[in-house]
Each structure stands twice: as structure tokens, then as C-alpha cells.
Amino acid sequence: MLELRPNCEHCNIALPPDAANARICSFECTFCAACAEGLLQDVCPNCGGGFVPRPVRPRRDWKNGNYLGKHPARTEPKLRPVDLAAHAALVQAVSGIPPQER
């Protein structure tokens, strides 16, 4: 189950569970859309994969207890500012390779 991390790992902007601007990679590294799509150029600095919009967990119990109230989002922030020089080298290494082929 996704942790729904509460912040962008780079810029520390708040990303509440219903944030439409939250982006994650397949390892659930979490960044805001501005960092993921702009600064990071759709390359996760931790794994080299791409980003997708993070799903929103329902607030209401529509079925079988699968909702935010029973499965709350993580509250502890995870902050790992990106080393932009190292990331530039990673972006260069994967440039031209679509995320699904990396």
C-alpha cells in the first residue's frame, strides 16, 4: 500500500493525501510536479525511472474499509534534496530513453 508521503523529497513542499501535484516513481520516491517535471526532467534521482501522478486514496469508505481513515497517509516527512550536479549526469545518461525502457 502506498505511504502517501507528505512532502516533496527535494523542495519540501507539502503534498497532502489529495494533492493533484504529487508525482511518484515505482519505488514511491515522492516529488511535486514542479520538481519532477521541471528540475528533474522526469528522471527519478534515486532510481533513474520516470514519474507518474500519485493516486489519491478515497476519503470515504466506499467499499470494504479501503479508505484514508482506516489506512492513513504517512505523516513523517522524507527530505532528500537532490544533488543537482550528480543528477545532471544521470539525466544525460538516460536522455532519449523513455521511462518504460530504462
C-alpha atoms as a PDB file:
ATOM      1  CA  MET A   1       0.000   0.000   0.000  1.00  0.00           C
ATOM      2  CA  LEU A   2       1.314   3.443  -0.876  1.00  0.00           C
ATOM      3  CA  GLU A   3       2.610   5.513   2.028  1.00  0.00           C
ATOM      4  CA  LEU A   4       1.308   8.754   0.510  1.00  0.00           C
ATOM      5  CA  ARG A   5       4.358  10.662   1.689  1.00  0.00           C
ATOM      6  CA  PRO A   6       3.534  14.158   2.964  1.00  0.00           C
ATOM      7  CA  ASN A   7       6.141  16.258   1.143  1.00  0.00           C
ATOM      8  CA  CYS A   8       8.338  16.693  -1.912  1.00  0.00           C
ATOM      9  CA  GLU A   9      11.653  14.999  -1.169  1.00  0.00           C
ATOM     10  CA  HIS A  10      13.551  17.842  -2.842  1.00  0.00           C
ATOM     11  CA  CYS A  11      11.839  21.167  -2.112  1.00  0.00           C
ATOM     12  CA  ASN A  12       9.807  20.029   0.927  1.00  0.00           C
ATOM     13  CA  ILE A  13       6.506  21.496  -0.343  1.00  0.00           C
ATOM     14  CA  ALA A  14       3.524  19.888   1.394  1.00  0.00           C
ATOM     15  CA  LEU A  15       1.832  17.092  -0.570  1.00  0.00           C
ATOM     16  CA  PRO A  16      -1.281  16.090   1.386  1.00  0.00           C
ATOM     17  CA  PRO A  17      -3.003  12.791   0.519  1.00  0.00           C
ATOM     18  CA  ASP A  18      -5.281  14.504  -2.016  1.00  0.00           C
ATOM     19  CA  ALA A  19      -2.520  16.526  -3.740  1.00  0.00           C
ATOM     20  CA  ALA A  20      -3.020  16.505  -7.501  1.00  0.00           C
ATOM     21  CA  ASN A  21       0.567  17.728  -7.979  1.00  0.00           C
ATOM     22  CA  ALA A  22       2.257  14.733  -6.279  1.00  0.00           C
ATOM     23  CA  ARG A  23       4.444  12.533  -8.501  1.00  0.00           C
ATOM     24  CA  ILE A  24       5.972   9.149  -7.637  1.00  0.00           C
ATOM     25  CA  CYS A  25       8.320   6.625  -9.221  1.00  0.00           C
ATOM     26  CA  SER A  26       7.898   2.852  -8.916  1.00  0.00           C
ATOM     27  CA  PHE A  27       9.803   2.932  -5.593  1.00  0.00           C
ATOM     28  CA  GLU A  28       7.429   5.626  -4.316  1.00  0.00           C
ATOM     29  CA  CYS A  29      10.032   8.372  -4.279  1.00  0.00           C
ATOM     30  CA  THR A  30       7.784  11.418  -3.993  1.00  0.00           C
ATOM     31  CA  PHE A  31       8.242  14.814  -5.599  1.00  0.00           C
ATOM     32  CA  CYS A  32       5.994  17.730  -6.514  1.00  0.00           C
ATOM     33  CA  ALA A  33       5.100  18.122 -10.181  1.00  0.00           C
ATOM     34  CA  ALA A  34       7.303  21.223 -10.490  1.00  0.00           C
ATOM     35  CA  CYS A  35      10.401  19.317  -9.344  1.00  0.00           C
ATOM     36  CA  ALA A  36       9.590  16.024 -11.111  1.00  0.00           C
ATOM     37  CA  GLU A  37       8.667  17.500 -14.466  1.00  0.00           C
ATOM     38  CA  GLY A  38      10.903  20.565 -14.459  1.00  0.00           C
ATOM     39  CA  LEU A  39      14.036  20.326 -12.350  1.00  0.00           C
ATOM     40  CA  LEU A  40      14.353  16.514 -12.510  1.00  0.00           C
ATOM     41  CA  GLN A  41      13.223  16.221 -16.161  1.00  0.00           C
ATOM     42  CA  ASP A  42      11.103  13.091 -15.439  1.00  0.00           C
ATOM     43  CA  VAL A  43      14.145  11.158 -14.144  1.00  0.00           C
ATOM     44  CA  CYS A  44      13.993   9.940 -10.547  1.00  0.00           C
ATOM     45  CA  PRO A  45      17.287  10.886  -8.881  1.00  0.00           C
ATOM     46  CA  ASN A  46      17.149   7.769  -6.716  1.00  0.00           C
ATOM     47  CA  CYS A  47      16.470   5.036  -9.300  1.00  0.00           C
ATOM     48  CA  GLY A  48      16.576   6.607 -12.778  1.00  0.00           C
ATOM     49  CA  GLY A  49      12.945   5.724 -13.507  1.00  0.00           C
ATOM     50  CA  GLY A  50      10.171   8.069 -14.553  1.00  0.00           C
ATOM     51  CA  PHE A  51       7.319   9.643 -12.611  1.00  0.00           C
ATOM     52  CA  VAL A  52       3.547   9.254 -12.668  1.00  0.00           C
ATOM     53  CA  PRO A  53       0.815  11.147 -10.821  1.00  0.00           C
ATOM     54  CA  ARG A  54       0.329   9.704  -7.331  1.00  0.00           C
ATOM     55  CA  PRO A  55      -3.124   8.167  -6.846  1.00  0.00           C
ATOM     56  CA  VAL A  56      -5.486   9.658  -4.290  1.00  0.00           C
ATOM     57  CA  ARG A  57      -6.796   7.344  -1.562  1.00  0.00           C
ATOM     58  CA  PRO A  58     -10.557   7.788  -1.061  1.00  0.00           C
ATOM     59  CA  ARG A  59     -11.548   9.847   1.981  1.00  0.00           C
ATOM     60  CA  ARG A  60     -14.788   7.934   2.403  1.00  0.00           C
ATOM     61  CA  ASP A  61     -15.292   4.230   2.990  1.00  0.00           C
ATOM     62  CA  TRP A  62     -16.950   3.319  -0.291  1.00  0.00           C
ATOM     63  CA  LYS A  63     -16.121  -0.379  -0.019  1.00  0.00           C
ATOM     64  CA  ASN A  64     -14.538  -2.826   2.439  1.00  0.00           C
ATOM     65  CA  GLY A  65     -12.757  -0.275   4.633  1.00  0.00           C
ATOM     66  CA  ASN A  66     -10.382   0.803   1.883  1.00  0.00           C
ATOM     67  CA  TYR A  67     -10.128   4.491   2.672  1.00  0.00           C
ATOM     68  CA  LEU A  68      -7.880   7.127   4.205  1.00  0.00           C
ATOM     69  CA  GLY A  69      -9.491   6.865   7.637  1.00  0.00           C
ATOM     70  CA  LYS A  70      -8.550   3.202   8.006  1.00  0.00           C
ATOM     71  CA  HIS A  71      -5.265   3.439   6.068  1.00  0.00           C
ATOM     72  CA  PRO A  72      -3.870   6.909   6.846  1.00  0.00           C
ATOM     73  CA  ALA A  73      -1.127   8.633   4.917  1.00  0.00           C
ATOM     74  CA  ARG A  74       2.391   8.798   6.273  1.00  0.00           C
ATOM     75  CA  THR A  75       2.967  11.846   8.459  1.00  0.00           C
ATOM     76  CA  GLU A  76       6.758  11.755   8.836  1.00  0.00           C
ATOM     77  CA  PRO A  77       8.424  13.818   6.097  1.00  0.00           C
ATOM     78  CA  LYS A  78      11.148  12.344   3.925  1.00  0.00           C
ATOM     79  CA  LEU A  79      13.553  15.037   2.766  1.00  0.00           C
ATOM     80  CA  ARG A  80      16.448  14.142   0.471  1.00  0.00           C
ATOM     81  CA  PRO A  81      17.408  17.228  -1.544  1.00  0.00           C
ATOM     82  CA  VAL A  82      18.807  16.242  -4.924  1.00  0.00           C
ATOM     83  CA  ASP A  83      22.483  16.718  -5.758  1.00  0.00           C
ATOM     84  CA  LEU A  84      21.805  18.597  -8.981  1.00  0.00           C
ATOM     85  CA  ALA A  85      25.287  18.072 -10.445  1.00  0.00           C
ATOM     86  CA  ALA A  86      25.065  14.299  -9.988  1.00  0.00           C
ATOM     87  CA  HIS A  87      21.506  14.355 -11.301  1.00  0.00           C
ATOM     88  CA  ALA A  88      22.587  16.185 -14.463  1.00  0.00           C
ATOM     89  CA  ALA A  89      24.954  13.297 -15.217  1.00  0.00           C
ATOM     90  CA  LEU A  90      22.128  10.784 -14.669  1.00  0.00           C
ATOM     91  CA  VAL A  91      19.780  12.760 -16.931  1.00  0.00           C
ATOM     92  CA  GLN A  92      22.455  12.831 -19.628  1.00  0.00           C
ATOM     93  CA  ALA A  93      22.991   9.060 -19.319  1.00  0.00           C
ATOM     94  CA  VAL A  94      19.292   8.275 -19.791  1.00  0.00           C
ATOM     95  CA  SER A  95      18.363  11.095 -22.176  1.00  0.00           C
ATOM     96  CA  GLY A  96      16.446   9.824 -25.124  1.00  0.00           C
ATOM     97  CA  ILE A  97      15.401   6.595 -23.352  1.00  0.00           C
ATOM     98  CA  PRO A  98      11.684   6.620 -22.490  1.00  0.00           C
ATOM     99  CA  PRO A  99      10.945   5.815 -18.825  1.00  0.00           C
ATOM    100  CA  GLN A 100       9.305   2.486 -19.727  1.00  0.00           C
ATOM    101  CA  GLU A 101      12.548   1.365 -21.411  1.00  0.00           C
ATOM    102  CA  ARG A 102      15.082   2.472 -18.773  1.00  0.00           C
END
